Amino acid sequence: SASGSKTALLLHLLRSEGGGDGSCSNGSKARHVQGVVVANDADFGRCRKMRLRLAPMRSPGLLLTCHLAQAFPGESGSFDRVLCDVPCSGDGTMRKNPTVWDKWRPAQSRCMHALQLSILERGLALVRVGG
């Protein structure tokens, strides 16, 4: 998916969760972002693309960071929710694109599994109990 597409969806959900009609009447404050989305990518180029994609939203509830996800800074339990969009091995593409078979090697998937697991473990450490 495009850089920032999942982040844009999360920001939209944060805005719409509160309800209200967006006017100055009762309930309008509920439409403002009531949380913060921390969007992270280890690749600076993808972070730049994400920033450009999300800039039109002008959300005060967005923080973009560029860290290795498996070493993301923060104390245990410091996030209410954590969504880990881990890198994939690409082996699912084989049913749509048979030419991938020529390049695919089992070792790639095994290596990717270790990275996926380390990202998941860090995400679990960062999310609060019940989050």
C-alpha atoms as a PDB file:
ATOM      1  CA  SER A   1       0.000   0.000   0.000  1.00  0.00           C
ATOM      2  CA  ALA A   2       1.028   3.612  -0.433  1.00  0.00           C
ATOM      3  CA  SER A   3       3.165   5.239   2.235  1.00  0.00           C
ATOM      4  CA  GLY A   4       0.871   6.761   4.819  1.00  0.00           C
ATOM      5  CA  SER A   5      -2.377   5.213   3.566  1.00  0.00           C
ATOM      6  CA  LYS A   6      -2.977   3.269   6.782  1.00  0.00           C
ATOM      7  CA  THR A   7      -1.973   6.321   8.824  1.00  0.00           C
ATOM      8  CA  ALA A   8      -4.477   8.464   6.929  1.00  0.00           C
ATOM      9  CA  LEU A   9      -7.183   5.914   7.713  1.00  0.00           C
ATOM     10  CA  LEU A  10      -6.270   5.925  11.411  1.00  0.00           C
ATOM     11  CA  LEU A  11      -6.397   9.728  11.537  1.00  0.00           C
ATOM     12  CA  HIS A  12      -9.798   9.686   9.853  1.00  0.00           C
ATOM     13  CA  LEU A  13     -11.060   7.171  12.407  1.00  0.00           C
ATOM     14  CA  LEU A  14      -9.750   9.272  15.300  1.00  0.00           C
ATOM     15  CA  ARG A  15     -11.616  12.292  13.967  1.00  0.00           C
ATOM     16  CA  SER A  16     -14.876  10.492  13.319  1.00  0.00           C
ATOM     17  CA  GLU A  17     -14.970   8.457  16.539  1.00  0.00           C
ATOM     18  CA  GLY A  18     -16.381  11.316  18.578  1.00  0.00           C
ATOM     19  CA  GLY A  19     -19.389  12.056  16.379  1.00  0.00           C
ATOM     20  CA  GLY A  20     -20.920  15.518  16.341  1.00  0.00           C
ATOM     21  CA  ASP A  21     -21.789  17.710  13.393  1.00  0.00           C
ATOM     22  CA  GLY A  22     -18.657  19.854  13.109  1.00  0.00           C
ATOM     23  CA  SER A  23     -20.521  23.083  13.865  1.00  0.00           C
ATOM     24  CA  CYS A  24     -19.992  25.380  16.838  1.00  0.00           C
ATOM     25  CA  SER A  25     -22.878  23.793  18.698  1.00  0.00           C
ATOM     26  CA  ASN A  26     -22.692  21.104  21.370  1.00  0.00           C
ATOM     27  CA  GLY A  27     -20.615  18.146  20.318  1.00  0.00           C
ATOM     28  CA  SER A  28     -18.273  20.028  18.007  1.00  0.00           C
ATOM     29  CA  LYS A  29     -15.274  19.467  20.265  1.00  0.00           C
ATOM     30  CA  ALA A  30     -15.819  15.723  19.971  1.00  0.00           C
ATOM     31  CA  ARG A  31     -14.858  15.923  16.292  1.00  0.00           C
ATOM     32  CA  HIS A  32     -11.349  17.083  17.101  1.00  0.00           C
ATOM     33  CA  VAL A  33      -8.636  14.489  17.334  1.00  0.00           C
ATOM     34  CA  GLN A  34      -8.708  13.087  20.849  1.00  0.00           C
ATOM     35  CA  GLY A  35      -5.512  11.125  20.560  1.00  0.00           C
ATOM     36  CA  VAL A  36      -2.219  11.026  18.777  1.00  0.00           C
ATOM     37  CA  VAL A  37      -1.152   8.695  16.000  1.00  0.00           C
ATOM     38  CA  VAL A  38       2.574   8.004  15.968  1.00  0.00           C
ATOM     39  CA  ALA A  39       3.400   6.848  12.446  1.00  0.00           C
ATOM     40  CA  ASN A  40       6.811   5.264  12.111  1.00  0.00           C
ATOM     41  CA  ASP A  41       8.884   3.904   9.259  1.00  0.00           C
ATOM     42  CA  ALA A  42      12.534   2.908   9.336  1.00  0.00           C
ATOM     43  CA  ASP A  43      13.058   4.151   5.776  1.00  0.00           C
ATOM     44  CA  PHE A  44      13.590   7.917   5.476  1.00  0.00           C
ATOM     45  CA  GLY A  45      12.314   7.991   1.879  1.00  0.00           C
ATOM     46  CA  ARG A  46       9.024   6.344   2.860  1.00  0.00           C
ATOM     47  CA  CYS A  47       8.725   8.741   5.810  1.00  0.00           C
ATOM     48  CA  ARG A  48       9.073  11.644   3.407  1.00  0.00           C
ATOM     49  CA  LYS A  49       6.376  10.198   1.129  1.00  0.00           C
ATOM     50  CA  MET A  50       4.139   9.640   4.145  1.00  0.00           C
ATOM     51  CA  ARG A  51       4.613  13.249   5.261  1.00  0.00           C
ATOM     52  CA  LEU A  52       3.669  14.531   1.800  1.00  0.00           C
ATOM     53  CA  ARG A  53       0.634  12.252   1.624  1.00  0.00           C
ATOM     54  CA  LEU A  54      -0.616  13.262   5.074  1.00  0.00           C
ATOM     55  CA  ALA A  55       0.188  16.994   4.902  1.00  0.00           C
ATOM     56  CA  PRO A  56      -3.240  17.978   3.488  1.00  0.00           C
ATOM     57  CA  MET A  57      -4.910  16.512   6.596  1.00  0.00           C
ATOM     58  CA  ARG A  58      -3.141  19.098   8.809  1.00  0.00           C
ATOM     59  CA  SER A  59      -3.730  16.940  11.845  1.00  0.00           C
ATOM     60  CA  PRO A  60      -2.415  18.104  15.208  1.00  0.00           C
ATOM     61  CA  GLY A  61      -2.705  14.487  16.327  1.00  0.00           C
ATOM     62  CA  LEU A  62       0.047  13.098  14.112  1.00  0.00           C
ATOM     63  CA  LEU A  63       3.693  12.487  14.893  1.00  0.00           C
ATOM     64  CA  LEU A  64       5.925  11.014  12.174  1.00  0.00           C
ATOM     65  CA  THR A  65       9.075   9.216  13.270  1.00  0.00           C
ATOM     66  CA  CYS A  66      11.869   7.335  11.533  1.00  0.00           C
ATOM     67  CA  HIS A  67      13.108   4.479  13.761  1.00  0.00           C
ATOM     68  CA  LEU A  68      13.676   0.773  13.442  1.00  0.00           C
ATOM     69  CA  ALA A  69      10.342  -0.593  14.652  1.00  0.00           C
ATOM     70  CA  GLN A  70      11.970  -3.416  16.611  1.00  0.00           C
ATOM     71  CA  ALA A  71      13.919  -0.804  18.602  1.00  0.00           C
ATOM     72  CA  PHE A  72      11.225   1.889  18.797  1.00  0.00           C
ATOM     73  CA  PRO A  73      11.871   4.113  21.828  1.00  0.00           C
ATOM     74  CA  GLY A  74       9.382   4.289  24.657  1.00  0.00           C
ATOM     75  CA  GLU A  75       8.465   2.840  27.987  1.00  0.00           C
ATOM     76  CA  SER A  76       6.497  -0.373  28.314  1.00  0.00           C
ATOM     77  CA  GLY A  77       2.768   0.225  28.220  1.00  0.00           C
ATOM     78  CA  SER A  78       3.086   3.786  26.940  1.00  0.00           C
ATOM     79  CA  PHE A  79       0.642   3.340  24.004  1.00  0.00           C
ATOM     80  CA  ASP A  80      -3.089   2.618  24.072  1.00  0.00           C
ATOM     81  CA  ARG A  81      -2.959   0.837  20.724  1.00  0.00           C
ATOM     82  CA  VAL A  82      -0.155  -0.414  18.487  1.00  0.00           C
ATOM     83  CA  LEU A  83      -0.581  -1.425  14.861  1.00  0.00           C
ATOM     84  CA  CYS A  84       2.431  -3.197  13.393  1.00  0.00           C
ATOM     85  CA  ASP A  85       2.521  -3.134   9.604  1.00  0.00           C
ATOM     86  CA  VAL A  86       5.462  -5.498   9.269  1.00  0.00           C
ATOM     87  CA  PRO A  87       7.414  -6.077   6.054  1.00  0.00           C
ATOM     88  CA  CYS A  88       6.177  -9.094   4.144  1.00  0.00           C
ATOM     89  CA  SER A  89       8.153 -11.831   2.448  1.00  0.00           C
ATOM     90  CA  GLY A  90       6.253 -11.356  -0.798  1.00  0.00           C
ATOM     91  CA  ASP A  91       5.528 -15.072  -1.152  1.00  0.00           C
ATOM     92  CA  GLY A  92       1.776 -14.379  -1.308  1.00  0.00           C
ATOM     93  CA  THR A  93       2.394 -12.553  -4.571  1.00  0.00           C
ATOM     94  CA  MET A  94       3.250 -15.845  -6.262  1.00  0.00           C
ATOM     95  CA  ARG A  95      -0.354 -16.756  -6.943  1.00  0.00           C
ATOM     96  CA  LYS A  96      -0.861 -13.458  -8.818  1.00  0.00           C
ATOM     97  CA  ASN A  97       2.598 -13.213 -10.367  1.00  0.00           C
ATOM     98  CA  PRO A  98       4.215 -16.587 -11.115  1.00  0.00           C
ATOM     99  CA  THR A  99       7.493 -14.928 -12.186  1.00  0.00           C
ATOM    100  CA  VAL A 100       8.194 -14.271  -8.496  1.00  0.00           C
ATOM    101  CA  TRP A 101       8.953 -17.989  -8.105  1.00  0.00           C
ATOM    102  CA  ASP A 102      12.257 -17.495  -9.946  1.00  0.00           C
ATOM    103  CA  LYS A 103      13.546 -15.046  -7.331  1.00  0.00           C
ATOM    104  CA  TRP A 104      11.891 -16.375  -4.172  1.00  0.00           C
ATOM    105  CA  ARG A 105      13.988 -18.377  -1.700  1.00  0.00           C
ATOM    106  CA  PRO A 106      12.827 -19.979   1.568  1.00  0.00           C
ATOM    107  CA  ALA A 107      15.718 -18.311   3.403  1.00  0.00           C
ATOM    108  CA  GLN A 108      14.213 -14.901   2.597  1.00  0.00           C
ATOM    109  CA  SER A 109      10.982 -15.836   4.353  1.00  0.00           C
ATOM    110  CA  ARG A 110      12.820 -17.258   7.360  1.00  0.00           C
ATOM    111  CA  CYS A 111      14.867 -14.067   7.666  1.00  0.00           C
ATOM    112  CA  MET A 112      11.732 -11.939   7.304  1.00  0.00           C
ATOM    113  CA  HIS A 113       9.992 -13.995   9.995  1.00  0.00           C
ATOM    114  CA  ALA A 114      12.632 -13.052  12.565  1.00  0.00           C
ATOM    115  CA  LEU A 115      12.205  -9.358  11.719  1.00  0.00           C
ATOM    116  CA  GLN A 116       8.399  -9.618  11.823  1.00  0.00           C
ATOM    117  CA  LEU A 117       8.567 -11.328  15.205  1.00  0.00           C
ATOM    118  CA  SER A 118      10.932  -8.732  16.674  1.00  0.00           C
ATOM    119  CA  ILE A 119       8.630  -5.906  15.524  1.00  0.00           C
ATOM    120  CA  LEU A 120       5.623  -7.684  17.039  1.00  0.00           C
ATOM    121  CA  GLU A 121       7.455  -8.242  20.326  1.00  0.00           C
ATOM    122  CA  ARG A 122       8.368  -4.550  20.536  1.00  0.00           C
ATOM    123  CA  GLY A 123       4.792  -3.547  19.722  1.00  0.00           C
ATOM    124  CA  LEU A 124       3.484  -5.824  22.462  1.00  0.00           C
ATOM    125  CA  ALA A 125       5.930  -4.295  24.934  1.00  0.00           C
ATOM    126  CA  LEU A 126       4.814  -0.757  24.053  1.00  0.00           C
ATOM    127  CA  VAL A 127       1.054  -1.328  24.273  1.00  0.00           C
ATOM    128  CA  ARG A 128      -0.667  -0.988  27.630  1.00  0.00           C
ATOM    129  CA  VAL A 129      -2.403  -3.959  29.218  1.00  0.00           C
ATOM    130  CA  GLY A 130      -5.862  -4.221  27.653  1.00  0.00           C
ATOM    131  CA  GLY A 131      -4.832  -2.120  24.654  1.00  0.00           C
END
